[in-house]
Amino acid sequence: MATTGFLLLCDYASRAVGGKLNIMGIYDRLIVNELPVRIPHAYIVLRVLIDPIESGKKHSFKLDMIDDSEKELMKLEGFFDVPKVPENVDIKELRHDEIFPLYGPVFEDEGEYSIRIWIDEELDATMPLYINLLKRSSDKKEK
């Protein structure tokens, strides 16, 4: 069985030598000066935890982002292979990491957006992204 270990939105992510993840600037809220707003660059990082009995199998995934009215803003679909584990190695849990770069997503409105991941056609995890408009002090009444 495969299940989400974590689902993150961040400023930057990469893989280092040996497969280690580098993740910088994790966030779930943006406070912006005006709307619509374009995020120039972001990354979604997914870690899937897998039972070793799944060794050598293939799983499907779907990742999407929706607004609070469930309008789809983006969707990615694909497959990942679970690596084969040598028989003489005792591993309790396998991990599969994916890094998805996002280029210029545009948010039209304030509110709660959701990033969702399906594994093998079942919704497995959801993370919120809140977009808030900065309230200006110039809105105060002058005396």
N, C-alpha and C. Protein backbone atom coordinates (compact mmCIF):
# COMPACT_ATOMS: atom_id res chain seq x y z
N MET A 1 0.83 -1.18 0.00
CA MET A 1 0.00 0.00 0.00
C MET A 1 0.88 1.25 0.00
N ALA A 2 0.47 2.26 -0.75
CA ALA A 2 1.21 3.53 -0.83
C ALA A 2 0.34 4.62 -0.22
N THR A 3 0.97 5.47 0.58
CA THR A 3 0.25 6.57 1.22
C THR A 3 1.16 7.79 1.31
N THR A 4 0.57 8.96 1.38
CA THR A 4 1.34 10.20 1.44
C THR A 4 2.01 10.36 2.80
N GLY A 5 3.32 10.60 2.76
CA GLY A 5 4.08 10.93 3.96
C GLY A 5 4.02 12.42 4.22
N PHE A 6 4.24 13.22 3.17
CA PHE A 6 4.02 14.66 3.26
C PHE A 6 3.77 15.24 1.89
N LEU A 7 3.08 16.37 1.89
CA LEU A 7 2.74 17.14 0.70
C LEU A 7 3.00 18.59 1.09
N LEU A 8 3.97 19.24 0.43
CA LEU A 8 4.42 20.57 0.82
C LEU A 8 4.46 21.51 -0.38
N LEU A 9 4.25 22.79 -0.12
CA LEU A 9 4.45 23.85 -1.09
C LEU A 9 5.63 24.66 -0.59
N CYS A 10 6.59 24.96 -1.47
CA CYS A 10 7.80 25.65 -1.01
C CYS A 10 8.37 26.53 -2.13
N ASP A 11 9.35 27.36 -1.73
CA ASP A 11 10.03 28.24 -2.69
C ASP A 11 11.00 27.48 -3.59
N TYR A 12 11.64 26.44 -3.03
CA TYR A 12 12.65 25.71 -3.80
C TYR A 12 12.79 24.29 -3.28
N ALA A 13 13.01 23.36 -4.18
CA ALA A 13 13.27 21.97 -3.80
C ALA A 13 14.19 21.33 -4.83
N SER A 14 15.06 20.44 -4.36
CA SER A 14 15.94 19.70 -5.26
C SER A 14 16.35 18.40 -4.57
N ARG A 15 17.03 17.55 -5.34
CA ARG A 15 17.60 16.32 -4.81
C ARG A 15 19.11 16.47 -4.75
N ALA A 16 19.67 16.08 -3.62
CA ALA A 16 21.13 16.10 -3.45
C ALA A 16 21.69 14.72 -3.78
N VAL A 17 22.99 14.63 -3.76
CA VAL A 17 23.67 13.35 -3.97
C VAL A 17 23.12 12.34 -2.96
N GLY A 18 22.83 11.15 -3.41
CA GLY A 18 22.30 10.13 -2.53
C GLY A 18 20.79 10.19 -2.39
N GLY A 19 20.13 11.11 -3.13
CA GLY A 19 18.67 11.19 -3.12
C GLY A 19 18.08 12.01 -2.00
N LYS A 20 18.93 12.68 -1.20
CA LYS A 20 18.39 13.51 -0.11
C LYS A 20 17.61 14.69 -0.70
N LEU A 21 16.54 15.07 0.00
CA LEU A 21 15.73 16.21 -0.43
C LEU A 21 16.24 17.49 0.19
N ASN A 22 16.32 18.54 -0.62
CA ASN A 22 16.57 19.90 -0.14
C ASN A 22 15.26 20.65 -0.33
N ILE A 23 14.70 21.17 0.76
CA ILE A 23 13.42 21.89 0.71
C ILE A 23 13.61 23.21 1.44
N MET A 24 13.31 24.32 0.74
CA MET A 24 13.48 25.65 1.33
C MET A 24 12.19 26.46 1.21
N GLY A 25 11.87 27.16 2.28
CA GLY A 25 10.75 28.11 2.24
C GLY A 25 9.39 27.45 2.18
N ILE A 26 9.07 26.55 3.09
CA ILE A 26 7.77 25.89 3.12
C ILE A 26 6.70 26.90 3.56
N TYR A 27 5.58 26.93 2.87
CA TYR A 27 4.51 27.85 3.25
C TYR A 27 3.15 27.29 2.88
N ASP A 28 2.11 27.88 3.51
CA ASP A 28 0.73 27.53 3.17
C ASP A 28 -0.14 28.79 3.11
N ARG A 29 0.49 29.97 3.18
CA ARG A 29 -0.26 31.23 3.13
C ARG A 29 0.56 32.28 2.38
N LEU A 30 -0.12 33.02 1.52
CA LEU A 30 0.49 34.17 0.85
C LEU A 30 -0.34 35.40 1.15
N ILE A 31 0.32 36.45 1.63
CA ILE A 31 -0.33 37.74 1.84
C ILE A 31 0.17 38.65 0.73
N VAL A 32 -0.76 39.09 -0.12
CA VAL A 32 -0.38 39.79 -1.35
C VAL A 32 -0.90 41.22 -1.34
N ASN A 33 -0.26 42.08 -2.14
CA ASN A 33 -0.64 43.49 -2.24
C ASN A 33 -1.83 43.73 -3.15
N GLU A 34 -1.97 42.86 -4.17
CA GLU A 34 -3.06 43.04 -5.11
C GLU A 34 -3.43 41.70 -5.75
N LEU A 35 -4.63 41.69 -6.30
CA LEU A 35 -5.13 40.51 -7.00
C LEU A 35 -5.53 40.92 -8.41
N PRO A 36 -5.39 40.06 -9.38
CA PRO A 36 -4.80 38.73 -9.30
C PRO A 36 -3.30 38.81 -9.02
N VAL A 37 -2.76 37.70 -8.52
CA VAL A 37 -1.34 37.63 -8.23
C VAL A 37 -0.76 36.39 -8.90
N ARG A 38 0.43 36.55 -9.44
CA ARG A 38 1.16 35.43 -10.07
C ARG A 38 2.34 35.08 -9.18
N ILE A 39 2.45 33.82 -8.81
CA ILE A 39 3.64 33.35 -8.08
C ILE A 39 4.65 32.98 -9.15
N PRO A 40 5.80 33.68 -9.18
CA PRO A 40 6.73 33.44 -10.27
C PRO A 40 7.25 32.00 -10.33
N HIS A 41 7.47 31.41 -9.18
CA HIS A 41 8.03 30.06 -9.18
C HIS A 41 7.78 29.42 -7.82
N ALA A 42 7.33 28.19 -7.81
CA ALA A 42 7.12 27.45 -6.57
C ALA A 42 7.31 25.97 -6.87
N TYR A 43 7.36 25.18 -5.82
CA TYR A 43 7.51 23.73 -5.97
C TYR A 43 6.52 23.03 -5.04
N ILE A 44 5.96 21.94 -5.52
CA ILE A 44 5.21 21.03 -4.67
C ILE A 44 6.09 19.81 -4.47
N VAL A 45 6.24 19.41 -3.21
CA VAL A 45 7.07 18.25 -2.88
C VAL A 45 6.17 17.19 -2.26
N LEU A 46 6.28 15.98 -2.77
CA LEU A 46 5.47 14.86 -2.32
C LEU A 46 6.39 13.73 -1.89
N ARG A 47 6.12 13.18 -0.72
CA ARG A 47 6.79 11.95 -0.29
C ARG A 47 5.70 10.89 -0.11
N VAL A 48 5.90 9.76 -0.78
CA VAL A 48 4.99 8.63 -0.67
C VAL A 48 5.69 7.55 0.14
N LEU A 49 4.97 7.00 1.13
CA LEU A 49 5.48 5.91 1.95
C LEU A 49 4.86 4.61 1.43
N ILE A 50 5.69 3.59 1.27
CA ILE A 50 5.25 2.38 0.58
C ILE A 50 5.68 1.15 1.38
N ASP A 51 4.79 0.21 1.51
CA ASP A 51 5.10 -1.07 2.16
C ASP A 51 6.06 -1.84 1.26
N PRO A 52 7.11 -2.46 1.82
CA PRO A 52 8.07 -3.20 1.00
C PRO A 52 7.47 -4.33 0.17
N ILE A 53 6.28 -4.82 0.53
CA ILE A 53 5.67 -5.87 -0.31
C ILE A 53 5.28 -5.32 -1.68
N GLU A 54 5.27 -3.98 -1.83
CA GLU A 54 4.98 -3.33 -3.12
C GLU A 54 6.23 -3.22 -4.01
N SER A 55 7.35 -3.73 -3.54
CA SER A 55 8.62 -3.66 -4.27
C SER A 55 8.45 -4.10 -5.72
N GLY A 56 8.89 -3.24 -6.65
CA GLY A 56 8.83 -3.55 -8.07
C GLY A 56 7.50 -3.23 -8.74
N LYS A 57 6.52 -2.71 -8.02
CA LYS A 57 5.21 -2.41 -8.60
C LYS A 57 5.14 -0.97 -9.08
N LYS A 58 4.08 -0.67 -9.81
CA LYS A 58 3.85 0.68 -10.35
C LYS A 58 2.57 1.22 -9.72
N HIS A 59 2.59 2.53 -9.40
CA HIS A 59 1.42 3.21 -8.84
C HIS A 59 1.11 4.44 -9.68
N SER A 60 -0.17 4.78 -9.75
CA SER A 60 -0.58 6.01 -10.44
C SER A 60 -0.77 7.12 -9.42
N PHE A 61 -0.62 8.35 -9.90
CA PHE A 61 -0.91 9.50 -9.04
C PHE A 61 -1.59 10.58 -9.86
N LYS A 62 -2.33 11.41 -9.17
CA LYS A 62 -2.89 12.63 -9.76
C LYS A 62 -2.72 13.72 -8.71
N LEU A 63 -2.22 14.85 -9.13
CA LEU A 63 -2.03 16.00 -8.26
C LEU A 63 -2.82 17.14 -8.88
N ASP A 64 -3.63 17.84 -8.07
CA ASP A 64 -4.34 18.99 -8.62
C ASP A 64 -4.40 20.11 -7.60
N MET A 65 -4.80 21.29 -8.07
CA MET A 65 -5.04 22.44 -7.22
C MET A 65 -6.41 22.98 -7.59
N ILE A 66 -7.25 23.23 -6.56
CA ILE A 66 -8.59 23.75 -6.79
C ILE A 66 -8.80 24.98 -5.92
N ASP A 67 -9.76 25.83 -6.33
CA ASP A 67 -10.14 26.96 -5.48
C ASP A 67 -11.29 26.52 -4.57
N ASP A 68 -11.83 27.45 -3.78
CA ASP A 68 -12.85 27.06 -2.80
C ASP A 68 -14.20 26.72 -3.43
N SER A 69 -14.36 26.97 -4.73
CA SER A 69 -15.57 26.52 -5.43
C SER A 69 -15.31 25.24 -6.23
N GLU A 70 -14.14 24.63 -5.99
CA GLU A 70 -13.69 23.39 -6.62
C GLU A 70 -13.36 23.54 -8.11
N LYS A 71 -13.10 24.77 -8.56
CA LYS A 71 -12.62 24.99 -9.92
C LYS A 71 -11.15 24.55 -9.98
N GLU A 72 -10.83 23.71 -10.94
CA GLU A 72 -9.48 23.17 -11.06
C GLU A 72 -8.55 24.20 -11.71
N LEU A 73 -7.43 24.49 -11.03
CA LEU A 73 -6.46 25.46 -11.53
C LEU A 73 -5.27 24.78 -12.20
N MET A 74 -4.97 23.55 -11.80
CA MET A 74 -3.90 22.78 -12.43
C MET A 74 -4.10 21.32 -12.14
N LYS A 75 -3.53 20.47 -12.99
CA LYS A 75 -3.61 19.03 -12.78
C LYS A 75 -2.39 18.37 -13.42
N LEU A 76 -1.79 17.45 -12.69
CA LEU A 76 -0.70 16.62 -13.18
C LEU A 76 -1.05 15.17 -12.92
N GLU A 77 -0.77 14.31 -13.88
CA GLU A 77 -1.03 12.89 -13.69
C GLU A 77 0.17 12.10 -14.17
N GLY A 78 0.38 10.95 -13.54
CA GLY A 78 1.48 10.12 -13.97
C GLY A 78 1.57 8.84 -13.17
N PHE A 79 2.73 8.21 -13.27
CA PHE A 79 3.00 6.95 -12.59
C PHE A 79 4.36 7.04 -11.92
N PHE A 80 4.55 6.23 -10.89
CA PHE A 80 5.88 6.05 -10.32
C PHE A 80 6.10 4.58 -10.05
N ASP A 81 7.34 4.15 -10.24
CA ASP A 81 7.73 2.77 -9.99
C ASP A 81 8.33 2.65 -8.60
N VAL A 82 7.94 1.61 -7.90
CA VAL A 82 8.53 1.32 -6.60
C VAL A 82 9.80 0.52 -6.87
N PRO A 83 10.95 0.99 -6.35
CA PRO A 83 12.19 0.26 -6.63
C PRO A 83 12.16 -1.15 -6.03
N LYS A 84 12.88 -2.05 -6.69
CA LYS A 84 13.02 -3.41 -6.17
C LYS A 84 13.98 -3.39 -4.99
N VAL A 85 13.59 -4.09 -3.95
CA VAL A 85 14.43 -4.20 -2.76
C VAL A 85 15.14 -5.55 -2.81
N PRO A 86 16.48 -5.54 -2.66
CA PRO A 86 17.19 -6.84 -2.62
C PRO A 86 16.66 -7.70 -1.47
N GLU A 87 16.59 -9.00 -1.70
CA GLU A 87 16.03 -9.91 -0.70
C GLU A 87 16.81 -9.93 0.61
N ASN A 88 18.09 -9.62 0.56
CA ASN A 88 18.92 -9.70 1.77
C ASN A 88 18.96 -8.37 2.54
N VAL A 89 18.05 -7.44 2.23
CA VAL A 89 17.99 -6.16 2.92
C VAL A 89 16.65 -6.08 3.65
N ASP A 90 16.70 -5.76 4.95
CA ASP A 90 15.48 -5.65 5.75
C ASP A 90 15.06 -4.18 5.83
N ILE A 91 14.10 -3.80 5.01
CA ILE A 91 13.59 -2.42 4.99
C ILE A 91 12.15 -2.45 5.46
N LYS A 92 11.83 -1.61 6.43
CA LYS A 92 10.48 -1.56 7.00
C LYS A 92 9.52 -0.72 6.15
N GLU A 93 10.08 0.28 5.44
CA GLU A 93 9.23 1.19 4.68
C GLU A 93 10.05 1.78 3.53
N LEU A 94 9.45 1.82 2.36
CA LEU A 94 10.09 2.45 1.20
C LEU A 94 9.55 3.87 1.06
N ARG A 95 10.35 4.73 0.46
CA ARG A 95 9.94 6.11 0.22
C ARG A 95 10.15 6.44 -1.25
N HIS A 96 9.19 7.18 -1.79
CA HIS A 96 9.33 7.71 -3.15
C HIS A 96 9.04 9.20 -3.09
N ASP A 97 9.97 10.01 -3.56
CA ASP A 97 9.83 11.46 -3.54
C ASP A 97 9.63 12.00 -4.95
N GLU A 98 8.74 12.96 -5.06
CA GLU A 98 8.50 13.68 -6.32
C GLU A 98 8.60 15.18 -6.06
N ILE A 99 9.19 15.90 -6.99
CA ILE A 99 9.28 17.36 -6.95
C ILE A 99 8.61 17.89 -8.22
N PHE A 100 7.60 18.73 -8.03
CA PHE A 100 6.85 19.29 -9.15
C PHE A 100 7.07 20.80 -9.19
N PRO A 101 7.81 21.32 -10.18
CA PRO A 101 7.96 22.77 -10.28
C PRO A 101 6.68 23.40 -10.84
N LEU A 102 6.30 24.53 -10.27
CA LEU A 102 5.14 25.29 -10.75
C LEU A 102 5.66 26.62 -11.29
N TYR A 103 5.32 26.93 -12.51
CA TYR A 103 5.78 28.16 -13.13
C TYR A 103 4.60 29.11 -13.31
N GLY A 104 4.57 30.16 -12.51
CA GLY A 104 3.61 31.23 -12.69
C GLY A 104 2.16 30.94 -12.43
N PRO A 105 1.81 30.15 -11.39
CA PRO A 105 0.37 30.01 -11.13
C PRO A 105 -0.25 31.36 -10.77
N VAL A 106 -1.47 31.59 -11.26
CA VAL A 106 -2.16 32.86 -11.03
C VAL A 106 -3.36 32.60 -10.12
N PHE A 107 -3.49 33.45 -9.10
CA PHE A 107 -4.61 33.37 -8.18
C PHE A 107 -5.44 34.63 -8.35
N GLU A 108 -6.70 34.46 -8.74
CA GLU A 108 -7.59 35.57 -9.05
C GLU A 108 -8.21 36.19 -7.80
N ASP A 109 -8.44 35.36 -6.78
CA ASP A 109 -9.22 35.81 -5.63
C ASP A 109 -8.56 35.41 -4.31
N GLU A 110 -8.98 36.10 -3.25
CA GLU A 110 -8.61 35.69 -1.90
C GLU A 110 -9.34 34.39 -1.59
N GLY A 111 -8.80 33.67 -0.61
CA GLY A 111 -9.53 32.50 -0.16
C GLY A 111 -8.64 31.30 0.06
N GLU A 112 -9.29 30.17 0.24
CA GLU A 112 -8.59 28.92 0.48
C GLU A 112 -8.55 28.10 -0.80
N TYR A 113 -7.36 27.72 -1.19
CA TYR A 113 -7.13 26.82 -2.30
C TYR A 113 -6.66 25.50 -1.72
N SER A 114 -6.81 24.43 -2.46
CA SER A 114 -6.40 23.11 -1.97
C SER A 114 -5.52 22.42 -2.99
N ILE A 115 -4.44 21.84 -2.50
CA ILE A 115 -3.57 20.99 -3.31
C ILE A 115 -3.89 19.56 -2.86
N ARG A 116 -4.25 18.72 -3.81
CA ARG A 116 -4.70 17.37 -3.47
C ARG A 116 -3.88 16.34 -4.23
N ILE A 117 -3.69 15.19 -3.59
CA ILE A 117 -2.98 14.09 -4.24
C ILE A 117 -3.83 12.81 -4.17
N TRP A 118 -3.98 12.19 -5.31
CA TRP A 118 -4.61 10.87 -5.40
C TRP A 118 -3.51 9.86 -5.67
N ILE A 119 -3.57 8.73 -4.98
CA ILE A 119 -2.67 7.62 -5.28
C ILE A 119 -3.55 6.43 -5.63
N ASP A 120 -3.28 5.85 -6.79
CA ASP A 120 -4.08 4.74 -7.30
C ASP A 120 -5.58 5.08 -7.26
N GLU A 121 -5.89 6.28 -7.73
CA GLU A 121 -7.26 6.78 -7.93
C GLU A 121 -8.04 7.02 -6.63
N GLU A 122 -7.34 7.06 -5.48
CA GLU A 122 -8.01 7.38 -4.22
C GLU A 122 -7.39 8.64 -3.64
N LEU A 123 -8.25 9.59 -3.23
CA LEU A 123 -7.76 10.81 -2.60
C LEU A 123 -6.99 10.42 -1.35
N ASP A 124 -5.71 10.83 -1.28
CA ASP A 124 -4.86 10.39 -0.18
C ASP A 124 -4.47 11.53 0.75
N ALA A 125 -4.31 12.75 0.23
CA ALA A 125 -3.92 13.87 1.09
C ALA A 125 -4.34 15.18 0.44
N THR A 126 -4.57 16.18 1.30
CA THR A 126 -4.93 17.53 0.88
C THR A 126 -4.16 18.52 1.73
N MET A 127 -3.64 19.57 1.13
CA MET A 127 -3.03 20.65 1.90
C MET A 127 -3.63 21.97 1.46
N PRO A 128 -3.90 22.86 2.41
CA PRO A 128 -4.49 24.16 2.05
C PRO A 128 -3.42 25.16 1.63
N LEU A 129 -3.83 26.11 0.79
CA LEU A 129 -3.03 27.29 0.47
C LEU A 129 -3.98 28.47 0.60
N TYR A 130 -3.67 29.38 1.51
CA TYR A 130 -4.51 30.54 1.76
C TYR A 130 -3.91 31.75 1.04
N ILE A 131 -4.74 32.46 0.30
CA ILE A 131 -4.33 33.71 -0.35
C ILE A 131 -5.10 34.83 0.35
N ASN A 132 -4.36 35.77 0.95
CA ASN A 132 -4.97 36.90 1.67
C ASN A 132 -4.47 38.21 1.09
N LEU A 133 -5.38 39.15 0.93
CA LEU A 133 -5.05 40.48 0.43
C LEU A 133 -4.66 41.36 1.62
N LEU A 134 -3.53 42.04 1.50
CA LEU A 134 -3.05 42.93 2.55
C LEU A 134 -4.01 44.11 2.69
N LYS A 135 -4.45 44.36 3.90
CA LYS A 135 -5.33 45.50 4.16
C LYS A 135 -4.46 46.73 4.35
N ARG A 136 -4.72 47.77 3.63
CA ARG A 136 -3.92 48.99 3.66
C ARG A 136 -4.35 49.92 4.79
N SER A 137 -3.39 50.59 5.42
CA SER A 137 -3.70 51.54 6.48
C SER A 137 -4.35 52.80 5.92
N SER A 138 -4.24 53.03 4.61
CA SER A 138 -4.87 54.20 3.98
C SER A 138 -6.39 54.09 3.98
N ASP A 139 -6.91 52.92 4.34
CA ASP A 139 -8.36 52.73 4.42
C ASP A 139 -8.94 53.39 5.67
N LYS A 140 -8.08 53.86 6.59
CA LYS A 140 -8.56 54.52 7.81
C LYS A 140 -9.15 55.88 7.46
N LYS A 141 -10.13 56.28 8.23
CA LYS A 141 -10.75 57.60 8.00
C LYS A 141 -9.83 58.70 8.55
N GLU A 142 -9.73 59.78 7.78
CA GLU A 142 -8.94 60.92 8.24
C GLU A 142 -9.78 61.79 9.15
N LYS A 143 -9.16 62.38 10.19
CA LYS A 143 -9.89 63.26 11.12
C LYS A 143 -9.84 64.69 10.69
